[in-house]
Amino acid sequence: MNMARILDLWPPSLFQALNILPAALLALSIGYVIYQRFFHPLASVPGPFWASLSRLWITKHSWDGDMSKTMIALHKKYGDLVRTGPNEVSIADLAAIKTIYGAGTRFRKSDWYSVWQGHRKFDLFPERDEKIHGEQRRLVSKTYSMAALKEYEPYVDDAVNVFLDHMSERQNRVVDMGYWVQLFAFDVIGEVTFSKRFGFMDAAADGGAFAQIEGALKSAAWIGQVPALYWIHDALMPYIGNHLGITARHGSLRDFTVKEIAARQDRGSDHQDILAKLKATQKEKPVEMNEQNVASMATSNVMAGSDTTAISTRAIIYYLLKNPQCKRRLVEEIDTLHSQGKLSDPVKLSEADAMPYLQAVMYEALRLHPAVGMSLPRTTPQGGATMAGQYLPAGTVVGVNPWVVHRCKEVYGDDIESFRPERWMTEDNGDMHRFFFAFGSGARMCLGRNISWMEMSKLIPSLFWHYNMELSEPEKEWTMNCWWFVMQRGVNVRLTKRH
C-alpha cells in the first residue's frame, strides 16, 4: 500500500487535529508566559525576564560560575527581592535573615540539597529534615567544639611548621600561594581527622584530589537547580555510566576516606583525633553512629574542610597584598607582640584571638569574599511568609546570598567594596557580626567553622612574621568561579625571609 493510499484512509478529523496542534501549543505557551508574568503569586517580584519563565536562567548562571557577582548586580538593580526562578526568590532584607535561618525556623532546606545527599542517611550539610539533622548534630557537636580545638591545636602547629619549611625552600621565587594554602588546609584535615597528614605539602601536589572536589562542586551547583535530572541520571547509571561530577562525593572521595579510616585504625594514634571521637560516639551509640555514618562525617571533612579554609586564607593574603597599608599595620602588630614576648612560633590560637587587627583583617577578607557564593535555599512553610512586604506562598524557594548581605550599606557602610579592616574595630559593630554570613547562619551554621578559624588564625600571623610577601604581578586581578564555593586563582607571590 503506497503512502497516498494510506493518507486517503486517514479520517479528516486527524488532519484537522494535526493542523491545529501548532496553534494549540503556541496558545499554551503564550498562556504560560502571561500567567507567570501577570498572575503568578510571584509576578510582582522583579527580576530577569527569563528567570520568571524557566529554571534554565538560574541553571545557566550556576553552570557559568558567576552567581555571586550576578546576584550583587541584580539586588542593586531590583532591591531586596529578586525573582530568580518561576518559584524562587533571592532575599536581601535583613529582617528576613532571622526568619529564614534563625533558631526554631520552620523554613526547610530545598530540594537543591538532595543532590549533595544522594542516598546517604547521615549527612549534616544537606539533611532537610530538621528533626533528623538535630539528632545527628548532637551526636558529633562535641567533636567540633571549641574545647576540642585545644586537643587538635598542636597538630595544626606541626602542619604550620611544615608549610613554613616549604616556603623557606621557595624564597625569591614566584609561588602559587593559593595552591599552597590549599595543600596546607588539606594536610591539616588529614592530621586532625586521621592523625596523619596526607603528604600533599611534601609532594607539592594533590594527586588529583582538588580536581575531583572542584568537579563535584561545579556539578552540584547546576544540577541542584533541576534535581530531577540528578535522580534520572542516578537511576540510569547502571546502563549509561557516570557523567556527573557530584557522584565523586558519594563515590571516589568516599572511597578515599574509607581507605584513610582503615589505615588510621591499622596504625593507631597517640592522640584524640576526630576519627577517635567519632569512634567513641559509635561505641556509645552503635545504631545511631554506625560505620557508614562515621565514613560520611569523615568524607564531609575531606571535601568541605580543605576548600573553605583555603578560599578564606587566599582571600586574607590577597587583600593584604593588594592593600599594602593594611599589610604594614598587621606586620606592626605581629612584630610588636613578638617583641613583648606575647606571641609564640607558631602563634597560638589564644594569642591570635587577642590580636585585634588580625581578627579585623580576617573578618574583613571573609566579608568581601565569603567561601559560599550562592543562595542558601530554603522553602517557605505551610501558610507562606511575608518578606520585605511581599507575601510568598508556601513552597516558595527563598534564600540569602552571603555576597549580597555582606555588601549591605546599612550594616557595613558606604565603602562596601573597600578592604577596610578598621570597620570591625569600632564599638558599635554588633550588626556586622550579626549579619556575618561566611559560615552560614542560625542552627545550620557550618560545623567546622572553629577548625577553619583556628587554621587561619595560626597560619596568617606565623607566615607574615617569617616572610615578606609581594604579589608577583600586583597590577593583575585574580580570577574567580562560583560553583557553590567561590574558588580563586592568581595569588602568585614572591617571598623573602624576615625572621
Protein backbone atom coordinates (compact mmCIF):
# COMPACT_ATOMS: atom_id res chain seq x y z
CA MET A 1 0.00 0.00 0.00
CA ASN A 2 1.54 3.33 -1.09
CA MET A 3 1.66 6.49 1.05
CA ALA A 4 -1.10 8.24 -0.93
CA ARG A 5 -3.44 5.32 -0.26
CA ILE A 6 -2.60 5.42 3.47
CA LEU A 7 -3.33 9.15 3.64
CA ASP A 8 -6.65 8.59 1.87
CA LEU A 9 -7.66 6.23 4.66
CA TRP A 10 -6.92 8.76 7.46
CA PRO A 11 -10.05 10.37 8.82
CA PRO A 12 -10.45 14.10 8.16
CA SER A 13 -10.59 14.77 11.90
CA LEU A 14 -6.99 13.60 12.23
CA PHE A 15 -5.83 16.12 9.63
CA GLN A 16 -7.73 18.82 11.47
CA ALA A 17 -6.09 17.86 14.77
CA LEU A 18 -2.63 17.95 13.19
CA ASN A 19 -3.36 21.35 11.70
CA ILE A 20 -4.44 22.90 14.98
CA LEU A 21 -1.68 21.29 17.12
CA PRO A 22 0.93 24.05 16.46
CA ALA A 23 -1.65 26.70 17.20
CA ALA A 24 -2.64 24.94 20.42
CA LEU A 25 0.99 24.68 21.54
CA LEU A 26 1.52 28.34 20.75
CA ALA A 27 -1.57 29.30 22.70
CA LEU A 28 -0.44 27.20 25.70
CA SER A 29 2.99 28.83 25.60
CA ILE A 30 1.54 32.31 25.45
CA GLY A 31 -0.84 31.44 28.27
CA TYR A 32 2.04 30.15 30.40
CA VAL A 33 4.05 33.33 29.84
CA ILE A 34 1.06 35.53 30.64
CA TYR A 35 0.36 33.57 33.85
CA GLN A 36 3.98 33.68 35.04
CA ARG A 37 4.37 37.36 34.26
CA PHE A 38 1.00 38.69 35.43
CA PHE A 39 -0.98 36.18 37.53
CA HIS A 40 1.56 34.01 39.36
CA PRO A 41 1.84 34.80 43.12
CA LEU A 42 5.42 35.98 42.45
CA ALA A 43 4.53 38.05 39.39
CA SER A 44 5.05 41.31 41.28
CA VAL A 45 8.57 40.32 42.38
CA PRO A 46 11.07 41.93 39.97
CA GLY A 47 13.86 40.04 38.28
CA PRO A 48 15.24 38.86 34.95
CA PHE A 49 12.54 38.07 32.39
CA TRP A 50 13.74 34.55 31.61
CA ALA A 51 14.12 33.67 35.28
CA SER A 52 10.36 34.07 35.74
CA LEU A 53 9.65 31.54 32.99
CA SER A 54 12.17 28.76 33.47
CA ARG A 55 14.85 27.37 35.73
CA LEU A 56 17.21 27.45 32.76
CA TRP A 57 18.23 31.01 33.74
CA ILE A 58 19.50 30.08 37.21
CA THR A 59 20.89 26.77 35.92
CA LYS A 60 22.95 28.57 33.27
CA HIS A 61 24.43 31.04 35.76
CA SER A 62 25.19 28.17 38.15
CA TRP A 63 26.96 26.40 35.29
CA ASP A 64 28.82 29.56 34.21
CA GLY A 65 30.07 30.14 37.76
CA ASP A 66 29.10 33.78 38.06
CA MET A 67 26.22 33.64 40.55
CA SER A 68 27.96 35.65 43.29
CA LYS A 69 28.58 38.70 41.09
CA THR A 70 25.28 38.30 39.24
CA MET A 71 23.22 38.44 42.43
CA ILE A 72 25.03 41.54 43.69
CA ALA A 73 24.15 43.31 40.45
CA LEU A 74 20.52 42.12 40.46
CA HIS A 75 19.85 43.23 44.04
CA LYS A 76 21.47 46.58 43.28
CA LYS A 77 19.07 46.93 40.34
CA TYR A 78 15.85 45.50 41.79
CA GLY A 79 16.11 45.85 45.58
CA ASP A 80 15.57 43.44 48.47
CA LEU A 81 13.61 40.84 46.49
CA VAL A 82 14.68 39.33 43.17
CA ARG A 83 12.81 36.58 41.36
CA THR A 84 15.45 34.07 40.26
CA GLY A 85 13.16 31.27 39.15
CA PRO A 86 9.48 30.58 38.43
CA ASN A 87 9.08 29.75 42.13
CA GLU A 88 12.28 31.16 43.68
CA VAL A 89 13.20 34.48 45.26
CA SER A 90 16.58 35.82 46.40
CA ILE A 91 16.27 37.99 49.51
CA ALA A 92 18.48 40.79 50.82
CA ASP A 93 16.09 42.07 53.52
CA LEU A 94 17.94 41.96 56.86
CA ALA A 95 14.82 41.20 58.91
CA ALA A 96 14.19 38.13 56.76
CA ILE A 97 17.50 36.50 57.66
CA LYS A 98 16.49 35.60 61.21
CA THR A 99 13.07 34.46 59.99
CA ILE A 100 14.57 32.11 57.41
CA TYR A 101 17.64 30.82 59.26
CA GLY A 102 17.11 31.60 62.95
CA ALA A 103 16.58 29.13 65.79
CA GLY A 104 13.24 27.37 65.63
CA THR A 105 12.69 28.32 62.00
CA ARG A 106 10.06 26.39 60.05
CA PHE A 107 11.86 27.02 56.76
CA ARG A 108 13.38 23.80 55.43
CA LYS A 109 16.26 23.23 53.06
CA SER A 110 15.12 22.99 49.45
CA ASP A 111 15.46 20.06 47.05
CA TRP A 112 18.69 21.65 45.77
CA TYR A 113 20.43 19.86 48.64
CA SER A 114 19.15 16.42 47.61
CA VAL A 115 21.90 16.03 45.01
CA TRP A 116 24.50 16.60 47.74
CA GLN A 117 22.93 13.96 49.95
CA GLY A 118 22.31 11.31 47.32
CA HIS A 119 21.48 8.07 49.14
CA ARG A 120 23.33 8.93 52.35
CA LYS A 121 21.29 8.56 55.51
CA PHE A 122 23.71 10.55 57.67
CA ASP A 123 24.83 13.84 56.12
CA LEU A 124 24.56 17.03 58.14
CA PHE A 125 25.04 19.58 55.37
CA PRO A 126 22.21 18.52 53.01
CA GLU A 127 19.83 16.88 55.51
CA ARG A 128 16.43 18.53 55.03
CA ASP A 129 14.53 17.01 57.94
CA GLU A 130 15.21 19.30 60.90
CA LYS A 131 14.49 16.60 63.48
CA ILE A 132 16.94 14.19 61.89
CA HIS A 133 19.50 16.95 61.48
CA GLY A 134 19.20 17.92 65.14
CA GLU A 135 19.69 14.32 66.28
CA GLN A 136 22.72 13.85 64.04
CA ARG A 137 24.29 17.17 65.01
CA ARG A 138 24.02 16.35 68.71
CA LEU A 139 25.99 13.16 68.06
CA VAL A 140 29.00 15.00 66.65
CA SER A 141 28.88 18.54 68.03
CA LYS A 142 31.46 17.88 70.79
CA THR A 143 33.90 16.64 68.17
CA TYR A 144 33.92 20.09 66.56
CA SER A 145 33.55 22.23 69.68
CA MET A 146 35.94 24.94 70.86
CA ALA A 147 37.01 22.63 73.68
CA ALA A 148 38.08 20.02 71.15
CA LEU A 149 40.28 22.58 69.39
CA LYS A 150 42.70 22.55 72.31
CA GLU A 151 43.40 18.90 71.57
CA TYR A 152 43.83 19.48 67.83
CA GLU A 153 45.97 22.62 68.04
CA PRO A 154 49.41 21.00 68.48
CA TYR A 155 48.86 19.01 65.29
CA VAL A 156 47.92 22.13 63.37
CA ASP A 157 51.23 23.56 64.66
CA ASP A 158 53.04 20.66 63.03
CA ALA A 159 51.38 21.43 59.69
CA VAL A 160 52.20 25.15 60.01
CA ASN A 161 55.88 24.31 60.57
CA VAL A 162 55.94 22.01 57.54
CA PHE A 163 54.34 24.77 55.46
CA LEU A 164 56.90 27.34 56.60
CA ASP A 165 59.75 24.94 55.83
CA HIS A 166 58.50 24.54 52.27
CA MET A 167 58.22 28.30 51.91
CA SER A 168 61.84 28.59 53.03
CA GLU A 169 62.85 26.37 50.11
CA ARG A 170 60.98 28.68 47.71
CA GLN A 171 62.37 32.07 48.72
CA ASN A 172 62.87 34.63 45.95
CA ARG A 173 60.76 32.57 43.57
CA VAL A 174 57.20 33.01 42.38
CA VAL A 175 55.00 30.78 44.49
CA ASP A 176 51.36 29.93 43.76
CA MET A 177 50.30 30.74 47.31
CA GLY A 178 46.67 29.99 46.51
CA TYR A 179 47.59 26.40 45.69
CA TRP A 180 49.93 26.04 48.65
CA VAL A 181 47.38 27.15 51.22
CA GLN A 182 45.03 24.50 49.84
CA LEU A 183 47.74 21.86 50.18
CA PHE A 184 48.19 23.08 53.75
CA ALA A 185 44.46 23.00 54.54
CA PHE A 186 44.12 19.51 53.12
CA ASP A 187 47.06 18.23 55.14
CA VAL A 188 45.60 19.79 58.29
CA ILE A 189 42.34 17.92 57.70
CA GLY A 190 44.32 14.71 57.41
CA GLU A 191 46.17 15.47 60.64
CA VAL A 192 43.18 16.41 62.79
CA THR A 193 40.90 13.74 61.32
CA PHE A 194 43.25 10.75 60.88
CA SER A 195 46.37 11.73 62.91
CA LYS A 196 48.39 11.82 59.69
CA ARG A 197 48.94 14.49 57.09
CA PHE A 198 48.03 13.37 53.58
CA GLY A 199 51.52 14.39 52.45
CA PHE A 200 50.32 16.91 49.88
CA MET A 201 52.76 19.60 51.05
CA ASP A 202 55.69 17.19 50.97
CA ALA A 203 54.80 16.14 47.43
CA ALA A 204 53.90 19.72 46.44
CA ALA A 205 50.94 18.11 44.66
CA ASP A 206 47.40 16.97 45.40
CA GLY A 207 47.25 13.81 43.30
CA GLY A 208 44.08 14.91 41.52
CA ALA A 209 42.01 15.35 44.68
CA PHE A 210 41.38 19.05 44.12
CA ALA A 211 40.09 18.48 40.59
CA GLN A 212 37.67 15.86 41.87
CA ILE A 213 36.34 18.20 44.54
CA GLU A 214 36.02 21.10 42.11
CA GLY A 215 34.24 18.83 39.63
CA ALA A 216 31.80 17.75 42.32
CA LEU A 217 31.13 21.36 43.31
CA LYS A 218 30.55 22.53 39.73
CA SER A 219 28.27 19.59 39.02
CA ALA A 220 26.18 20.02 42.17
CA ALA A 221 25.88 23.79 41.66
CA TRP A 222 23.98 23.49 38.39
CA ILE A 223 22.21 20.15 38.62
CA GLY A 224 20.91 21.08 42.07
CA GLN A 225 18.76 23.63 40.24
CA VAL A 226 17.00 20.76 38.44
CA PRO A 227 17.38 17.85 40.90
CA ALA A 228 15.06 15.59 38.89
CA LEU A 229 17.88 15.28 36.33
CA TYR A 230 20.20 14.02 39.04
CA TRP A 231 17.80 11.31 40.08
CA ILE A 232 17.12 10.27 36.49
CA HIS A 233 20.87 10.01 35.98
CA ASP A 234 21.15 8.07 39.24
CA ALA A 235 18.56 5.51 38.04
CA LEU A 236 20.23 5.15 34.62
CA MET A 237 23.85 4.96 35.83
CA PRO A 238 23.96 1.13 35.69
CA TYR A 239 23.21 1.38 31.96
CA ILE A 240 24.79 4.66 30.79
CA GLY A 241 27.65 5.06 33.24
CA ASN A 242 28.52 8.11 35.34
CA HIS A 243 28.52 11.56 33.75
CA LEU A 244 28.13 13.82 36.79
CA GLY A 245 30.98 15.10 38.95
CA ILE A 246 28.83 15.26 42.09
CA THR A 247 28.88 11.47 42.28
CA ALA A 248 32.53 11.76 43.37
CA ARG A 249 31.22 12.95 46.74
CA HIS A 250 29.39 9.69 47.13
CA GLY A 251 31.93 7.56 45.26
CA SER A 252 35.66 8.18 44.77
CA LEU A 253 36.06 10.75 47.56
CA ARG A 254 34.20 8.49 49.95
CA ASP A 255 36.39 5.55 48.85
CA PHE A 256 39.47 7.67 49.55
CA THR A 257 38.16 8.45 53.03
CA VAL A 258 37.29 4.83 53.79
CA LYS A 259 40.87 3.83 52.93
CA GLU A 260 42.21 6.53 55.26
CA ILE A 261 39.93 5.29 58.05
CA ALA A 262 41.23 1.75 57.60
CA ALA A 263 44.86 2.93 57.55
CA ARG A 264 44.29 5.01 60.68
CA GLN A 265 42.82 2.01 62.52
CA ASP A 266 45.76 -0.19 61.49
CA ARG A 267 48.44 2.21 62.70
CA GLY A 268 46.57 3.58 65.72
CA SER A 269 47.21 7.01 67.20
CA ASP A 270 48.67 8.50 70.34
CA HIS A 271 46.15 11.36 70.48
CA GLN A 272 42.46 12.14 70.15
CA ASP A 273 41.76 12.98 66.53
CA ILE A 274 38.31 13.50 65.01
CA LEU A 275 38.08 9.86 63.95
CA ALA A 276 38.79 8.71 67.52
CA LYS A 277 35.99 10.93 68.81
CA LEU A 278 33.57 9.66 66.18
CA LYS A 279 34.53 6.10 67.04
CA ALA A 280 33.94 6.79 70.71
CA THR A 281 30.45 8.02 69.85
CA GLN A 282 29.95 4.92 67.72
CA LYS A 283 30.86 2.73 70.70
CA GLU A 284 28.31 4.54 72.88
CA LYS A 285 25.57 4.64 70.23
CA PRO A 286 26.34 1.97 67.61
CA VAL A 287 22.94 2.22 65.93
CA GLU A 288 22.88 5.99 65.51
CA MET A 289 26.58 6.28 64.60
CA ASN A 290 27.34 3.18 62.56
CA GLU A 291 30.34 2.58 60.30
CA GLN A 292 28.68 4.21 57.29
CA ASN A 293 27.85 7.32 59.30
CA VAL A 294 31.42 7.64 60.54
CA ALA A 295 32.60 7.44 56.92
CA SER A 296 30.08 10.09 55.89
CA MET A 297 31.30 12.55 58.52
CA ALA A 298 34.94 11.95 57.62
CA THR A 299 34.17 12.39 53.90
CA SER A 300 32.48 15.72 54.62
CA ASN A 301 35.64 16.80 56.47
CA VAL A 302 37.80 15.93 53.48
CA MET A 303 35.59 17.56 50.86
CA ALA A 304 34.48 20.75 52.58
CA GLY A 305 37.15 21.25 55.22
CA SER A 306 40.01 21.98 52.85
CA ASP A 307 38.26 24.14 50.27
CA THR A 308 36.52 26.57 52.61
CA THR A 309 39.67 27.21 54.62
CA ALA A 310 41.82 27.57 51.52
CA ILE A 311 39.38 30.02 49.93
CA SER A 312 39.30 32.14 53.08
CA THR A 313 43.07 32.05 53.56
CA ARG A 314 43.63 33.06 49.94
CA ALA A 315 41.27 35.99 50.45
CA ILE A 316 43.14 37.19 53.56
CA ILE A 317 46.54 37.05 51.85
CA TYR A 318 45.31 38.58 48.59
CA TYR A 319 43.56 41.55 50.16
CA LEU A 320 46.51 42.24 52.44
CA LEU A 321 48.91 42.26 49.49
CA LYS A 322 46.54 44.40 47.43
CA ASN A 323 46.37 46.89 50.30
CA PRO A 324 49.97 47.49 51.49
CA GLN A 325 48.93 49.88 54.25
CA CYS A 326 46.85 47.10 55.82
CA LYS A 327 49.71 44.64 55.48
CA ARG A 328 52.05 47.10 57.21
CA ARG A 329 49.66 47.56 60.10
CA LEU A 330 49.25 43.80 60.57
CA VAL A 331 53.02 43.25 60.44
CA GLU A 332 53.49 46.02 63.03
CA GLU A 333 51.02 44.28 65.33
CA ILE A 334 52.83 40.96 64.87
CA ASP A 335 56.28 42.49 65.41
CA THR A 336 55.19 44.43 68.48
CA LEU A 337 53.66 41.41 70.17
CA HIS A 338 56.71 39.28 69.36
CA SER A 339 58.99 41.91 70.86
CA GLN A 340 56.85 41.85 74.01
CA GLY A 341 57.09 38.06 74.20
CA LYS A 342 53.34 37.70 73.65
CA LEU A 343 53.45 35.56 70.51
CA SER A 344 54.63 32.01 70.10
CA ASP A 345 56.01 30.46 66.93
CA PRO A 346 53.71 29.17 65.52
CA VAL A 347 51.17 31.55 67.00
CA LYS A 348 48.73 30.00 69.46
CA LEU A 349 45.00 30.36 68.92
CA SER A 350 44.58 32.16 72.26
CA GLU A 351 47.26 34.64 71.21
CA ALA A 352 45.69 35.21 67.80
CA ASP A 353 42.32 35.83 69.43
CA ALA A 354 43.96 38.69 71.37
CA MET A 355 45.24 40.37 68.19
CA PRO A 356 42.58 42.97 67.32
CA TYR A 357 43.91 43.94 63.91
CA LEU A 358 44.46 40.34 62.82
CA GLN A 359 40.88 39.50 63.77
CA ALA A 360 39.61 42.57 61.90
CA VAL A 361 41.62 41.56 58.81
CA MET A 362 40.17 38.06 58.86
CA TYR A 363 36.59 39.25 59.23
CA GLU A 364 37.03 41.87 56.51
CA ALA A 365 38.55 39.43 54.00
CA LEU A 366 35.74 36.94 54.60
CA ARG A 367 33.21 39.73 54.34
CA LEU A 368 34.45 40.66 50.88
CA HIS A 369 34.99 37.06 49.82
CA PRO A 370 32.85 34.55 51.74
CA ALA A 371 33.50 31.00 50.59
CA VAL A 372 29.88 30.38 49.56
CA GLY A 373 28.68 32.49 46.65
CA MET A 374 25.20 31.11 46.03
CA SER A 375 21.93 31.45 47.88
CA LEU A 376 21.34 29.11 50.84
CA PRO A 377 17.92 27.95 49.59
CA ARG A 378 15.01 27.19 51.90
CA THR A 379 11.29 26.63 51.29
CA THR A 380 8.58 28.72 52.92
CA PRO A 381 6.45 26.75 55.43
CA GLN A 382 2.75 26.00 55.38
CA GLY A 383 0.84 29.26 55.35
CA GLY A 384 3.62 31.06 53.49
CA ALA A 385 5.58 34.05 54.76
CA THR A 386 5.84 37.79 54.22
CA MET A 387 9.31 39.06 53.27
CA ALA A 388 10.11 42.73 52.68
CA GLY A 389 6.40 43.44 52.48
CA GLN A 390 5.75 40.73 49.87
CA TYR A 391 3.65 37.64 50.63
CA LEU A 392 5.35 34.47 49.42
CA PRO A 393 3.12 31.36 49.35
CA ALA A 394 4.02 28.03 50.95
CA GLY A 395 6.61 26.09 49.00
CA THR A 396 8.36 29.15 47.56
CA VAL A 397 12.13 28.68 47.47
CA VAL A 398 13.82 31.60 49.21
CA GLY A 399 17.41 32.28 50.18
CA VAL A 400 20.06 34.79 51.14
CA ASN A 401 23.35 35.07 49.25
CA PRO A 402 26.34 35.81 51.56
CA TRP A 403 27.93 38.01 48.88
CA VAL A 404 24.83 40.18 48.83
CA VAL A 405 24.25 40.55 52.56
CA HIS A 406 27.96 41.30 53.13
CA ARG A 407 27.55 44.33 50.87
CA CYS A 408 24.65 45.87 52.76
CA LYS A 409 25.50 49.56 53.23
CA GLU A 410 23.10 49.79 56.17
CA VAL A 411 25.33 47.39 58.08
CA TYR A 412 28.84 47.80 56.67
CA GLY A 413 28.90 51.43 55.48
CA ASP A 414 29.04 53.11 52.10
CA ASP A 415 32.51 51.79 51.18
CA ILE A 416 31.34 48.19 50.92
CA GLU A 417 33.75 47.27 48.11
CA SER A 418 36.79 48.57 50.01
CA PHE A 419 39.02 46.36 52.11
CA ARG A 420 38.96 48.29 55.37
CA PRO A 421 39.58 46.09 58.44
CA GLU A 422 39.16 49.12 60.71
CA ARG A 423 35.39 48.93 60.27
CA TRP A 424 35.43 45.88 62.58
CA MET A 425 37.30 47.73 65.32
CA THR A 426 34.51 50.12 66.30
CA GLU A 427 32.48 49.53 69.45
CA ASP A 428 29.12 49.51 67.66
CA ASN A 429 29.88 46.58 65.33
CA GLY A 430 27.27 44.17 66.65
CA ASP A 431 25.24 44.21 63.44
CA MET A 432 28.35 43.44 61.42
CA HIS A 433 28.82 40.23 63.37
CA ARG A 434 25.09 39.50 63.44
CA PHE A 435 24.88 39.55 59.65
CA PHE A 436 28.28 37.97 59.02
CA PHE A 437 27.32 35.07 56.78
CA ALA A 438 30.67 33.49 55.88
CA PHE A 439 29.82 30.31 57.82
CA GLY A 440 26.07 30.41 57.31
CA SER A 441 23.60 31.40 59.99
CA GLY A 442 21.41 30.00 62.74
CA ALA A 443 21.02 26.34 63.60
CA ARG A 444 22.62 25.21 60.32
CA MET A 445 25.82 27.20 60.75
CA CYS A 446 28.92 25.39 59.48
CA LEU A 447 30.03 22.77 61.98
CA GLY A 448 33.70 23.08 61.03
CA ARG A 449 33.95 26.85 61.37
CA ASN A 450 36.03 26.60 64.59
CA ILE A 451 38.67 24.42 62.95
CA SER A 452 38.82 26.68 59.90
CA TRP A 453 39.16 29.81 62.03
CA MET A 454 41.92 28.18 64.07
CA GLU A 455 43.91 27.27 60.97
CA MET A 456 43.74 30.80 59.61
CA SER A 457 44.42 32.40 62.99
CA LYS A 458 47.63 30.42 63.34
CA LEU A 459 48.92 30.41 59.76
CA ILE A 460 48.48 34.08 58.81
CA PRO A 461 50.46 35.73 61.65
CA SER A 462 53.11 33.00 61.53
CA LEU A 463 53.53 33.45 57.76
CA PHE A 464 53.76 37.25 57.92
CA TRP A 465 56.20 37.05 60.82
CA HIS A 466 58.61 34.87 58.88
CA TYR A 467 58.19 36.27 55.36
CA ASN A 468 57.64 39.44 53.45
CA MET A 469 55.33 38.79 50.52
CA GLU A 470 54.51 40.73 47.38
CA LEU A 471 52.22 39.83 44.50
CA SER A 472 54.34 38.85 41.50
CA GLU A 473 52.02 40.85 39.22
CA PRO A 474 50.46 43.44 41.53
CA GLU A 475 48.50 45.13 38.74
CA LYS A 476 46.59 41.97 37.85
CA GLU A 477 43.34 40.89 39.49
CA TRP A 478 42.69 37.31 40.49
CA THR A 479 40.04 35.22 38.73
CA MET A 480 37.07 33.57 40.38
CA ASN A 481 34.49 30.86 39.65
CA CYS A 482 31.38 30.47 41.78
CA TRP A 483 30.37 26.82 41.88
CA TRP A 484 28.78 26.92 45.34
CA PHE A 485 32.22 27.80 46.71
CA VAL A 486 33.87 30.81 45.06
CA MET A 487 37.27 29.45 44.04
CA GLN A 488 40.07 31.90 43.22
CA ARG A 489 43.19 31.68 41.08
CA GLY A 490 46.03 34.14 40.72
CA VAL A 491 47.53 34.58 44.20
CA ASN A 492 51.12 34.30 42.97
CA VAL A 493 53.69 35.84 45.31
CA ARG A 494 57.40 36.36 45.88
CA LEU A 495 58.71 35.65 49.37
CA THR A 496 61.72 36.99 51.18
CA LYS A 497 62.78 35.93 54.65
CA ARG A 498 62.11 38.29 57.59
CA HIS A 499 62.97 36.11 60.58
